Amino acid sequence: MGAKPNIVYILADDMGYGDLSCLNEQSKIRTEHLDQMAASGMVFTDGHSSSAVCTPSRYSILTGRYNWRSSLKRGVLGGYSPSLIEKDRLTVASLLQKAGYRTSCVGKWHLGLDWQTRSDDPTDVDYTRQIANGPITHGFDYFYGISASLDMPPYVYIENDRITAPPSRITRGDDEMGWWREGPTSEEFEHEEVLPRCTQKVLDTIGEAGNNPFFIYFPLPAPHTPILPSPEFAGKSGTNAYGDFVLMCDDVVGQIIRKLEQCGLNDNTIVIFTSDNGCSPRANYPELAQFGHNPSHVFRGHKADIYEGGHRVPLLVKWPERIKSGSTMDQTVCLVDLIATVADILGETLPDDAGEDSISNLPYWEGRQLPSTIREAIVHHSIDGSFSIRKGDWKLELCPGSGGWSDPKPGQEAADSPTVQLYDLRQDIGERVNVYGLHPEVVQELTSLLTCYVLNGRSTPGTVRSNTGGAEWEQQLAWLK
């Protein structure tokens, strides 16, 4: 094996599968840089985040553990929330750090930070004090970015474990798309500048890399709200402001790949592009539809939902030394697979208490002929904590509706709605014909398999493990009873 490959992991925030023109021929947003990345690497057509919302998906990406095994059983964290990743848990960053990589996280963290406060009020932050249990604690040598989503205060930049400037004013975004919650804001912080500033940090990090292998985790703050495309992208998509913001994200990918080429790092650098969940309704689906664009493509639902539109995400991987250009993979994979894939690349075996739900995708990347799929099944989770399990073409959803924000919303389902949904995705990719009553044996098989995954604390071979506790856990497991 040659030199250790560099890894750049670009995570879009709320970008839909159907937004990429390389994945959706009907896309009205021409993502030229992502299309070029797809042409020079591998496109996954059946890639999934573990959850349909932000924080849980990020937990799974870094830990290789399904998000619902953490203490967060539903919803997302806020900007003042405490750290979610458990103490001493191996992350993909700490794995690579131990292997001699320079590890950097730039952008949106959204996995909790232990701010030092002056009182019991979690928002009463003492901004002069060091922040504990952030990216630096969990395997990153360097961090620059924001605590959570760009619409969540506090609006300050964090470098490593300290803010770069204290808040000096209160701001609020009132536009329909350019919206953010009212909160303390530092003088240097302008919401429109966060994506360009973080992109420049990534470019600088690549330029300063030298001969040492590096891992850059770049969770973009976009195209999540506030939707703020810079003037050069305004109107460029031919759709609405969301489409323009998607093009701005596409340009970011182009900048990073050009920088790698300029530095002579292209061939032995793995570039991964994906999204933490499906597109948000904040993108204004009805308005986009007037332009003939659907961010969810042919899939039902969107961000927050148990349906495919909530968690089937764009996933592109480029590695010129090992991945054949222009290749396509239609096997089911999950973003939770990153840590096992990285361990496989390094020729290492994960400890028994790490990456409990992660499976290496390296055989797919290398185009090996395999007798069967490498993943037995995949578990999905919605914003309200509803579960789904997918095995082959069958997808079982253990809730009567979307479990999220699209109709039927939780608590608003018809009184006679069945408590479970079963879809044959080969025949019904739009998840419209519930066939649970026709296939009770499939419902039983998948329910039993999911029960096993939950009780064993893992979905991969190994020692039975405990899931991290949480007060709302029982509410999420009614089907177990």
Protein backbone atom coordinates (compact mmCIF):
# COMPACT_ATOMS: atom_id res chain seq x y z
CA MET A 1 0.00 0.00 0.00
CA GLY A 2 1.26 3.50 -0.87
CA ALA A 3 1.11 6.72 1.09
CA LYS A 4 -1.86 7.18 3.37
CA PRO A 5 -4.61 9.02 1.47
CA ASN A 6 -5.78 12.43 2.54
CA ILE A 7 -9.52 12.65 3.27
CA VAL A 8 -11.82 15.63 2.73
CA TYR A 9 -15.38 15.03 3.92
CA ILE A 10 -17.82 17.72 2.76
CA LEU A 11 -21.21 17.55 4.49
CA ALA A 12 -23.96 19.76 3.09
CA ASP A 13 -26.67 20.88 5.49
CA ASP A 14 -30.24 20.09 4.32
CA MET A 15 -29.45 19.45 0.64
CA GLY A 16 -31.84 17.16 -1.21
CA TYR A 17 -30.96 14.19 -3.39
CA GLY A 18 -32.87 15.80 -6.25
CA ASP A 19 -30.86 19.04 -6.10
CA LEU A 20 -27.87 17.48 -7.87
CA SER A 21 -28.19 17.35 -11.65
CA CYS A 22 -25.93 14.27 -11.73
CA LEU A 23 -28.54 12.41 -9.66
CA ASN A 24 -31.70 13.97 -11.03
CA GLU A 25 -32.00 14.57 -14.76
CA GLN A 26 -35.01 16.79 -14.07
CA SER A 27 -33.09 19.03 -11.65
CA LYS A 28 -33.39 22.67 -12.63
CA ILE A 29 -30.23 23.44 -10.64
CA ARG A 30 -27.15 22.66 -12.75
CA THR A 31 -24.54 21.60 -10.21
CA GLU A 32 -21.57 21.60 -12.58
CA HIS A 33 -18.83 20.99 -10.01
CA LEU A 34 -20.65 18.14 -8.29
CA ASP A 35 -21.46 16.70 -11.70
CA GLN A 36 -17.76 16.76 -12.56
CA MET A 37 -16.94 15.13 -9.22
CA ALA A 38 -19.45 12.40 -10.02
CA ALA A 39 -17.95 11.88 -13.47
CA SER A 40 -14.48 11.45 -11.96
CA GLY A 41 -15.55 9.23 -9.07
CA MET A 42 -18.41 7.07 -7.80
CA VAL A 43 -22.08 7.98 -7.43
CA PHE A 44 -24.15 6.17 -4.80
CA THR A 45 -27.83 6.09 -5.75
CA ASP A 46 -29.00 4.43 -2.51
CA GLY A 47 -27.01 6.28 0.15
CA HIS A 48 -28.64 7.27 3.45
CA SER A 49 -28.06 9.35 6.53
CA SER A 50 -28.95 7.55 9.76
CA SER A 51 -31.46 10.25 10.68
CA ALA A 52 -33.67 12.74 8.91
CA VAL A 53 -32.27 15.66 10.94
CA CYS A 54 -28.95 17.37 11.68
CA THR A 55 -27.44 16.46 15.04
CA PRO A 56 -28.27 12.73 14.98
CA SER A 57 -26.77 12.24 11.52
CA ARG A 58 -23.55 13.99 12.55
CA TYR A 59 -23.23 11.78 15.61
CA SER A 60 -23.47 8.68 13.42
CA ILE A 61 -21.00 9.96 10.84
CA LEU A 62 -18.28 10.58 13.40
CA THR A 63 -18.89 7.60 15.73
CA GLY A 64 -20.12 4.83 13.43
CA ARG A 65 -22.97 4.26 15.87
CA TYR A 66 -26.65 4.77 15.14
CA ASN A 67 -27.79 8.10 16.55
CA TRP A 68 -30.60 6.64 18.66
CA ARG A 69 -28.00 4.75 20.73
CA SER A 70 -26.88 8.13 22.09
CA SER A 71 -28.74 10.04 24.80
CA LEU A 72 -30.58 12.01 22.10
CA LYS A 73 -33.70 10.02 21.25
CA ARG A 74 -35.54 12.65 19.20
CA GLY A 75 -35.03 16.15 17.83
CA VAL A 76 -31.75 18.05 17.58
CA LEU A 77 -29.46 20.01 19.86
CA GLY A 78 -29.29 23.81 20.09
CA GLY A 79 -26.36 26.18 20.16
CA TYR A 80 -26.08 26.04 23.94
CA SER A 81 -26.63 22.28 24.34
CA PRO A 82 -24.02 20.18 26.15
CA SER A 83 -21.74 17.73 24.35
CA LEU A 84 -23.47 14.65 22.93
CA ILE A 85 -20.55 12.36 22.03
CA GLU A 86 -19.72 10.13 24.98
CA LYS A 87 -16.42 10.51 26.81
CA ASP A 88 -13.62 8.33 25.38
CA ARG A 89 -15.74 7.15 22.44
CA LEU A 90 -13.63 6.55 19.33
CA THR A 91 -14.49 8.85 16.45
CA VAL A 92 -13.25 8.77 12.89
CA ALA A 93 -11.16 11.82 13.79
CA SER A 94 -9.47 10.21 16.80
CA LEU A 95 -8.87 7.04 14.76
CA LEU A 96 -7.09 9.05 12.07
CA GLN A 97 -5.29 11.20 14.64
CA LYS A 98 -3.76 8.07 16.14
CA ALA A 99 -2.73 7.00 12.63
CA GLY A 100 -0.66 10.16 12.20
CA TYR A 101 -3.16 12.38 10.41
CA ARG A 102 -3.54 16.09 10.96
CA THR A 103 -7.27 16.35 11.69
CA SER A 104 -9.33 19.50 11.17
CA CYS A 105 -13.00 20.34 11.54
CA VAL A 106 -14.21 23.52 9.88
CA GLY A 107 -17.82 24.67 9.83
CA LYS A 108 -20.97 23.68 11.70
CA TRP A 109 -20.37 21.39 14.71
CA HIS A 110 -23.91 20.88 16.12
CA LEU A 111 -22.92 18.04 18.45
CA GLY A 112 -23.01 20.07 21.65
CA LEU A 113 -20.40 22.01 23.54
CA ASP A 114 -19.89 22.39 27.27
CA TRP A 115 -20.00 26.16 27.62
CA GLN A 116 -18.96 27.67 30.95
CA THR A 117 -21.89 29.62 32.37
CA ARG A 118 -22.31 32.25 35.08
CA SER A 119 -25.56 30.77 36.37
CA ASP A 120 -27.90 27.83 35.91
CA ASP A 121 -29.20 29.43 32.72
CA PRO A 122 -27.44 27.60 29.83
CA THR A 123 -27.57 30.78 27.71
CA ASP A 124 -25.77 32.82 30.42
CA VAL A 125 -22.39 32.00 28.92
CA ASP A 126 -19.08 33.33 30.21
CA TYR A 127 -17.48 33.89 26.81
CA THR A 128 -14.07 34.57 28.35
CA ARG A 129 -13.69 30.96 29.45
CA GLN A 130 -12.56 27.85 27.62
CA ILE A 131 -15.17 25.60 25.98
CA ALA A 132 -15.01 21.95 27.01
CA ASN A 133 -15.82 18.68 25.17
CA GLY A 134 -15.94 20.07 21.68
CA PRO A 135 -14.20 18.92 18.49
CA ILE A 136 -10.74 19.18 20.08
CA THR A 137 -11.79 16.65 22.71
CA HIS A 138 -13.13 14.23 20.11
CA GLY A 139 -10.10 13.80 17.87
CA PHE A 140 -9.63 17.04 15.98
CA ASP A 141 -6.31 18.90 16.15
CA TYR A 142 -7.96 22.05 14.89
CA PHE A 143 -11.49 23.50 14.84
CA TYR A 144 -12.86 26.66 13.35
CA GLY A 145 -16.56 27.27 13.01
CA ILE A 146 -19.89 27.68 14.73
CA SER A 147 -21.59 25.81 17.56
CA ALA A 148 -24.72 24.67 15.73
CA SER A 149 -26.94 25.63 12.79
CA LEU A 150 -26.51 29.11 11.35
CA ASP A 151 -29.99 30.01 12.60
CA MET A 152 -29.13 29.08 16.22
CA PRO A 153 -27.38 31.46 18.65
CA PRO A 154 -24.83 32.27 19.87
CA TYR A 155 -23.49 33.81 16.67
CA VAL A 156 -19.78 33.71 17.38
CA TYR A 157 -16.81 32.02 15.72
CA ILE A 158 -14.99 29.37 17.72
CA GLU A 159 -11.35 28.52 17.12
CA ASN A 160 -10.25 25.33 18.85
CA ASP A 161 -11.86 25.74 22.30
CA ARG A 162 -12.33 29.50 22.58
CA ILE A 163 -14.44 32.11 20.80
CA THR A 164 -12.55 34.56 18.60
CA ALA A 165 -14.57 37.62 19.69
CA PRO A 166 -17.31 38.09 22.30
CA PRO A 167 -20.88 38.97 21.34
CA SER A 168 -21.55 42.70 21.38
CA ARG A 169 -25.03 42.98 19.87
CA ILE A 170 -28.29 41.14 19.32
CA THR A 171 -29.35 40.22 15.80
CA ARG A 172 -32.33 38.51 14.22
CA GLY A 173 -33.07 37.47 10.65
CA ASP A 174 -36.64 38.30 9.67
CA ASP A 175 -36.77 37.37 5.99
CA GLU A 176 -38.76 34.28 5.06
CA MET A 177 -35.68 32.42 3.83
CA GLY A 178 -32.94 34.54 5.38
CA TRP A 179 -34.26 33.77 8.83
CA TRP A 180 -32.37 33.18 12.08
CA ARG A 181 -33.32 33.18 15.74
CA GLU A 182 -32.66 36.27 17.80
CA GLY A 183 -29.43 35.98 19.73
CA PRO A 184 -26.08 37.44 20.84
CA THR A 185 -23.75 38.16 17.94
CA SER A 186 -20.10 39.18 17.81
CA GLU A 187 -19.05 42.28 15.89
CA GLU A 188 -17.10 40.19 13.36
CA PHE A 189 -19.99 37.79 12.68
CA GLU A 190 -22.08 38.34 9.57
CA HIS A 191 -24.32 35.44 8.60
CA GLU A 192 -23.71 36.00 4.88
CA GLU A 193 -19.96 35.59 5.38
CA VAL A 194 -19.90 32.29 7.30
CA LEU A 195 -19.80 29.94 4.30
CA PRO A 196 -17.11 31.92 2.41
CA ARG A 197 -15.02 32.35 5.56
CA CYS A 198 -15.14 28.66 6.44
CA THR A 199 -14.37 27.71 2.84
CA GLN A 200 -11.25 29.88 2.92
CA LYS A 201 -10.15 28.16 6.14
CA VAL A 202 -10.43 24.80 4.38
CA LEU A 203 -8.46 26.05 1.38
CA ASP A 204 -5.77 27.41 3.69
CA THR A 205 -5.61 24.11 5.58
CA ILE A 206 -5.07 22.21 2.33
CA GLY A 207 -2.39 24.67 1.23
CA GLU A 208 -0.51 24.32 4.52
CA ALA A 209 -0.71 20.51 4.64
CA GLY A 210 2.82 19.72 3.49
CA ASN A 211 3.69 16.02 3.29
CA ASN A 212 1.66 14.84 6.27
CA PRO A 213 -1.67 13.08 5.63
CA PHE A 214 -4.69 15.13 6.62
CA PHE A 215 -8.37 14.67 7.36
CA ILE A 216 -10.66 17.66 6.88
CA TYR A 217 -14.26 17.34 8.05
CA PHE A 218 -16.12 20.26 6.47
CA PRO A 219 -19.77 20.40 7.64
CA LEU A 220 -21.16 23.28 5.62
CA PRO A 221 -23.60 25.73 7.25
CA ALA A 222 -25.55 25.67 3.96
CA PRO A 223 -27.99 25.44 2.23
CA HIS A 224 -29.73 25.33 5.64
CA THR A 225 -31.49 28.50 6.80
CA PRO A 226 -30.70 31.33 6.74
CA ILE A 227 -30.66 30.93 2.96
CA LEU A 228 -28.20 33.65 1.98
CA PRO A 229 -26.59 33.25 -1.45
CA SER A 230 -23.91 35.85 -2.12
CA PRO A 231 -24.64 38.47 -4.82
CA GLU A 232 -22.69 36.58 -7.50
CA PHE A 233 -25.08 33.63 -7.14
CA ALA A 234 -28.33 35.58 -6.78
CA GLY A 235 -30.63 34.51 -9.62
CA LYS A 236 -28.00 32.17 -11.09
CA SER A 237 -29.98 28.95 -10.62
CA GLY A 238 -33.07 30.15 -12.44
CA THR A 239 -35.20 28.96 -9.51
CA ASN A 240 -35.35 30.69 -6.11
CA ALA A 241 -32.88 31.75 -3.40
CA TYR A 242 -32.54 28.16 -2.20
CA GLY A 243 -31.49 27.03 -5.68
CA ASP A 244 -28.96 29.86 -5.79
CA PHE A 245 -27.59 28.78 -2.39
CA VAL A 246 -27.22 25.21 -3.66
CA LEU A 247 -25.13 26.57 -6.54
CA MET A 248 -22.98 28.45 -4.03
CA CYS A 249 -22.37 25.15 -2.22
CA ASP A 250 -21.56 23.53 -5.55
CA ASP A 251 -18.98 26.24 -6.15
CA VAL A 252 -17.41 25.50 -2.76
CA VAL A 253 -16.83 21.91 -3.88
CA GLY A 254 -15.25 23.20 -7.08
CA GLN A 255 -12.90 25.47 -5.11
CA ILE A 256 -11.75 22.61 -2.90
CA ILE A 257 -11.06 20.24 -5.79
CA ARG A 258 -9.16 22.95 -7.69
CA LYS A 259 -7.04 23.60 -4.59
CA LEU A 260 -6.20 19.92 -4.28
CA GLU A 261 -5.16 19.88 -7.95
CA GLN A 262 -3.05 23.02 -7.55
CA CYS A 263 -1.25 21.47 -4.58
CA GLY A 264 -0.62 18.20 -6.41
CA LEU A 265 -2.83 16.31 -3.94
CA ASN A 266 -5.70 15.27 -6.18
CA ASP A 267 -4.75 11.66 -6.97
CA ASN A 268 -4.26 10.45 -3.42
CA THR A 269 -7.02 12.43 -1.74
CA ILE A 270 -10.44 10.95 -1.00
CA VAL A 271 -13.15 13.57 -1.42
CA ILE A 272 -16.58 12.67 -0.10
CA PHE A 273 -19.63 14.83 -0.66
CA THR A 274 -22.96 14.14 1.00
CA SER A 275 -25.76 15.72 3.06
CA ASP A 276 -26.87 15.21 6.65
CA ASN A 277 -30.53 14.68 5.63
CA GLY A 278 -33.04 15.63 2.98
CA CYS A 279 -34.01 19.13 1.93
CA SER A 280 -35.95 21.30 4.38
CA PRO A 281 -39.42 22.65 3.56
CA ARG A 282 -37.85 26.07 4.22
CA ALA A 283 -36.56 25.80 0.64
CA ASN A 284 -40.18 26.49 -0.40
CA TYR A 285 -41.16 23.36 -2.30
CA PRO A 286 -44.28 24.94 -3.89
CA GLU A 287 -42.21 27.79 -5.30
CA LEU A 288 -39.54 25.40 -6.60
CA ALA A 289 -42.27 23.27 -8.19
CA GLN A 290 -43.29 26.26 -10.28
CA PHE A 291 -39.85 26.02 -11.87
CA GLY A 292 -40.22 22.26 -12.32
CA HIS A 293 -37.77 21.41 -9.53
CA ASN A 294 -38.22 18.91 -6.69
CA PRO A 295 -35.37 18.65 -4.15
CA SER A 296 -36.69 15.23 -3.07
CA HIS A 297 -36.67 13.92 -6.68
CA VAL A 298 -39.06 10.89 -6.87
CA PHE A 299 -39.01 10.26 -3.13
CA ARG A 300 -41.76 10.98 -0.63
CA GLY A 301 -41.25 13.52 2.13
CA HIS A 302 -38.34 15.75 3.09
CA LYS A 303 -36.16 16.65 6.06
CA ALA A 304 -37.45 15.28 9.40
CA ASP A 305 -39.51 12.46 7.81
CA ILE A 306 -39.18 8.69 8.04
CA TYR A 307 -39.89 8.58 4.29
CA GLU A 308 -37.06 8.36 1.74
CA GLY A 309 -37.03 12.11 1.18
CA GLY A 310 -35.93 12.52 4.79
CA HIS A 311 -32.82 10.38 4.70
CA ARG A 312 -31.89 9.30 1.15
CA VAL A 313 -29.06 11.72 0.43
CA PRO A 314 -26.60 12.58 -2.31
CA LEU A 315 -23.36 10.63 -1.86
CA LEU A 316 -20.36 11.08 -4.17
CA VAL A 317 -16.87 9.70 -3.56
CA LYS A 318 -13.77 10.58 -5.58
CA TRP A 319 -10.35 8.92 -5.14
CA PRO A 320 -8.45 8.81 -8.44
CA GLU A 321 -5.90 6.27 -7.22
CA ARG A 322 -8.50 3.66 -6.24
CA ILE A 323 -11.98 4.55 -7.54
CA LYS A 324 -12.83 4.14 -11.20
CA SER A 325 -14.13 7.34 -12.72
CA GLY A 326 -17.74 7.47 -13.85
CA SER A 327 -18.79 4.52 -11.69
CA THR A 328 -22.21 4.05 -10.09
CA MET A 329 -23.17 1.99 -7.03
CA ASP A 330 -26.80 1.05 -6.39
CA GLN A 331 -26.24 -0.98 -3.19
CA THR A 332 -27.67 0.42 0.05
CA VAL A 333 -25.12 2.21 2.24
CA CYS A 334 -25.26 4.54 5.23
CA LEU A 335 -23.19 7.52 6.39
CA VAL A 336 -22.60 5.58 9.62
CA ASP A 337 -20.19 3.44 7.52
CA LEU A 338 -17.40 6.03 7.42
CA ILE A 339 -15.36 4.91 10.42
CA ALA A 340 -15.27 1.24 9.35
CA THR A 341 -14.33 2.28 5.81
CA VAL A 342 -11.48 4.44 7.10
CA ALA A 343 -10.25 1.63 9.37
CA ASP A 344 -10.28 -0.72 6.36
CA ILE A 345 -8.25 1.74 4.29
CA LEU A 346 -5.69 1.95 7.10
CA GLY A 347 -5.60 -1.82 7.46
CA GLU A 348 -6.82 -1.60 11.06
CA THR A 349 -9.53 -3.43 12.99
CA LEU A 350 -11.95 -1.33 15.00
CA PRO A 351 -12.10 -2.03 18.75
CA ASP A 352 -15.15 -4.02 19.83
CA ASP A 353 -16.63 -0.96 21.55
CA ALA A 354 -16.41 1.34 18.52
CA GLY A 355 -18.31 1.70 15.26
CA GLU A 356 -20.97 -0.75 16.38
CA ASP A 357 -23.13 -0.08 13.31
CA SER A 358 -20.43 0.73 10.77
CA ILE A 359 -19.56 -1.46 7.77
CA SER A 360 -16.67 -0.80 5.38
CA ASN A 361 -17.67 0.45 1.95
CA LEU A 362 -14.14 0.00 0.57
CA PRO A 363 -15.10 -3.12 -1.43
CA TYR A 364 -17.70 -1.02 -3.24
CA TRP A 365 -15.25 1.83 -3.81
CA GLU A 366 -12.77 -0.56 -5.39
CA GLY A 367 -15.39 -2.22 -7.56
CA ARG A 368 -14.84 -5.70 -6.17
CA GLN A 369 -17.16 -8.47 -7.28
CA LEU A 370 -19.14 -9.49 -4.20
CA PRO A 371 -21.52 -12.43 -3.74
CA SER A 372 -24.11 -10.27 -1.96
CA THR A 373 -24.70 -6.91 -0.33
CA ILE A 374 -22.32 -6.06 2.51
CA ARG A 375 -25.07 -4.61 4.70
CA GLU A 376 -27.81 -6.86 6.09
CA ALA A 377 -30.18 -3.97 6.77
CA ILE A 378 -30.22 -0.27 7.51
CA VAL A 379 -32.12 1.57 10.25
CA HIS A 380 -33.64 5.02 9.74
CA HIS A 381 -34.87 7.52 12.34
CA SER A 382 -37.18 10.54 12.09
CA ILE A 383 -37.23 13.76 14.08
CA ASP A 384 -39.85 12.49 16.56
CA GLY A 385 -37.86 9.29 17.19
CA SER A 386 -39.85 6.97 14.94
CA PHE A 387 -37.99 3.96 13.56
CA SER A 388 -37.76 2.34 10.16
CA ILE A 389 -35.75 -0.63 8.93
CA ARG A 390 -34.84 -1.42 5.33
CA LYS A 391 -33.73 -4.83 4.08
CA GLY A 392 -33.41 -5.34 0.35
CA ASP A 393 -36.46 -3.82 -1.33
CA TRP A 394 -38.59 -3.97 1.82
CA LYS A 395 -38.91 -0.96 4.09
CA LEU A 396 -40.86 -1.16 7.34
CA GLU A 397 -41.84 2.06 9.11
CA LEU A 398 -42.98 1.67 12.69
CA CYS A 399 -45.29 4.67 12.79
CA PRO A 400 -48.62 5.56 11.18
CA GLY A 401 -47.40 8.67 9.32
CA SER A 402 -44.33 10.68 8.41
CA GLY A 403 -42.86 10.86 11.91
CA GLY A 404 -41.79 14.32 10.83
CA TRP A 405 -43.02 17.46 9.12
CA SER A 406 -44.88 16.25 6.05
CA ASP A 407 -48.41 14.88 6.02
CA PRO A 408 -49.62 12.91 7.82
CA LYS A 409 -47.81 14.55 10.73
CA PRO A 410 -47.47 12.80 14.11
CA GLY A 411 -50.76 12.99 15.96
CA GLN A 412 -52.64 14.04 12.82
CA GLU A 413 -52.94 10.64 11.16
CA ALA A 414 -56.40 9.30 10.34
CA ALA A 415 -58.00 7.46 13.26
CA ASP A 416 -58.04 4.19 11.33
CA SER A 417 -54.42 4.43 10.15
CA PRO A 418 -52.41 1.22 10.65
CA THR A 419 -49.63 1.61 13.20
CA VAL A 420 -47.00 0.36 10.75
CA GLN A 421 -46.20 0.91 7.09
CA LEU A 422 -44.55 -1.58 4.74
CA TYR A 423 -43.37 -0.59 1.28
CA ASP A 424 -41.83 -2.56 -1.56
CA LEU A 425 -39.41 0.06 -2.87
CA ARG A 426 -38.74 -1.91 -6.05
CA GLN A 427 -42.40 -1.45 -7.02
CA ASP A 428 -43.26 1.67 -5.04
CA ILE A 429 -40.30 4.04 -4.64
CA GLY A 430 -42.76 6.81 -3.73
CA GLU A 431 -43.99 4.88 -0.64
CA ARG A 432 -47.67 5.29 -1.44
CA VAL A 433 -49.08 1.75 -1.21
CA ASN A 434 -48.86 0.32 2.30
CA VAL A 435 -48.76 -3.48 1.90
CA TYR A 436 -48.28 -4.40 5.56
CA GLY A 437 -51.48 -6.49 5.56
CA LEU A 438 -50.36 -8.55 2.58
CA HIS A 439 -46.99 -9.52 3.99
CA PRO A 440 -47.25 -10.16 7.75
CA GLU A 441 -44.21 -12.43 7.56
CA VAL A 442 -42.06 -9.54 6.29
CA VAL A 443 -43.39 -7.25 9.03
CA GLN A 444 -42.49 -9.90 11.62
CA GLU A 445 -39.04 -10.54 10.16
CA LEU A 446 -38.05 -6.89 10.03
CA THR A 447 -39.53 -6.06 13.44
CA SER A 448 -37.58 -8.95 14.97
CA LEU A 449 -34.36 -7.87 13.26
CA LEU A 450 -34.73 -4.28 14.46
CA THR A 451 -35.51 -5.52 17.98
CA CYS A 452 -32.30 -7.55 17.88
CA TYR A 453 -30.30 -4.52 16.74
CA VAL A 454 -31.71 -2.40 19.56
CA LEU A 455 -31.28 -4.93 22.35
CA ASN A 456 -27.78 -5.98 21.28
CA GLY A 457 -26.50 -2.40 21.24
CA ARG A 458 -25.05 -3.05 17.79
CA SER A 459 -25.89 -4.29 14.30
CA THR A 460 -22.43 -5.70 13.54
CA PRO A 461 -20.84 -8.86 14.97
CA GLY A 462 -19.31 -8.44 18.41
CA THR A 463 -20.00 -8.25 22.11
CA VAL A 464 -23.44 -7.10 23.21
CA ARG A 465 -23.28 -3.44 24.17
CA SER A 466 -25.47 -1.05 26.11
CA ASN A 467 -27.23 1.88 24.49
CA THR A 468 -26.75 5.25 26.15
CA GLY A 469 -29.75 6.16 28.32
CA GLY A 470 -32.30 8.91 27.95
CA ALA A 471 -35.55 9.82 29.63
CA GLU A 472 -37.63 9.56 26.46
CA TRP A 473 -36.31 6.21 25.27
CA GLU A 474 -39.43 4.20 26.19
CA GLN A 475 -41.65 6.51 24.17
CA GLN A 476 -39.69 5.59 21.05
CA LEU A 477 -39.95 1.82 21.48
CA ALA A 478 -43.68 1.18 21.73
CA TRP A 479 -43.36 -1.49 19.03
CA LEU A 480 -41.01 -3.48 21.28
CA LYS A 481 -43.83 -4.01 23.76
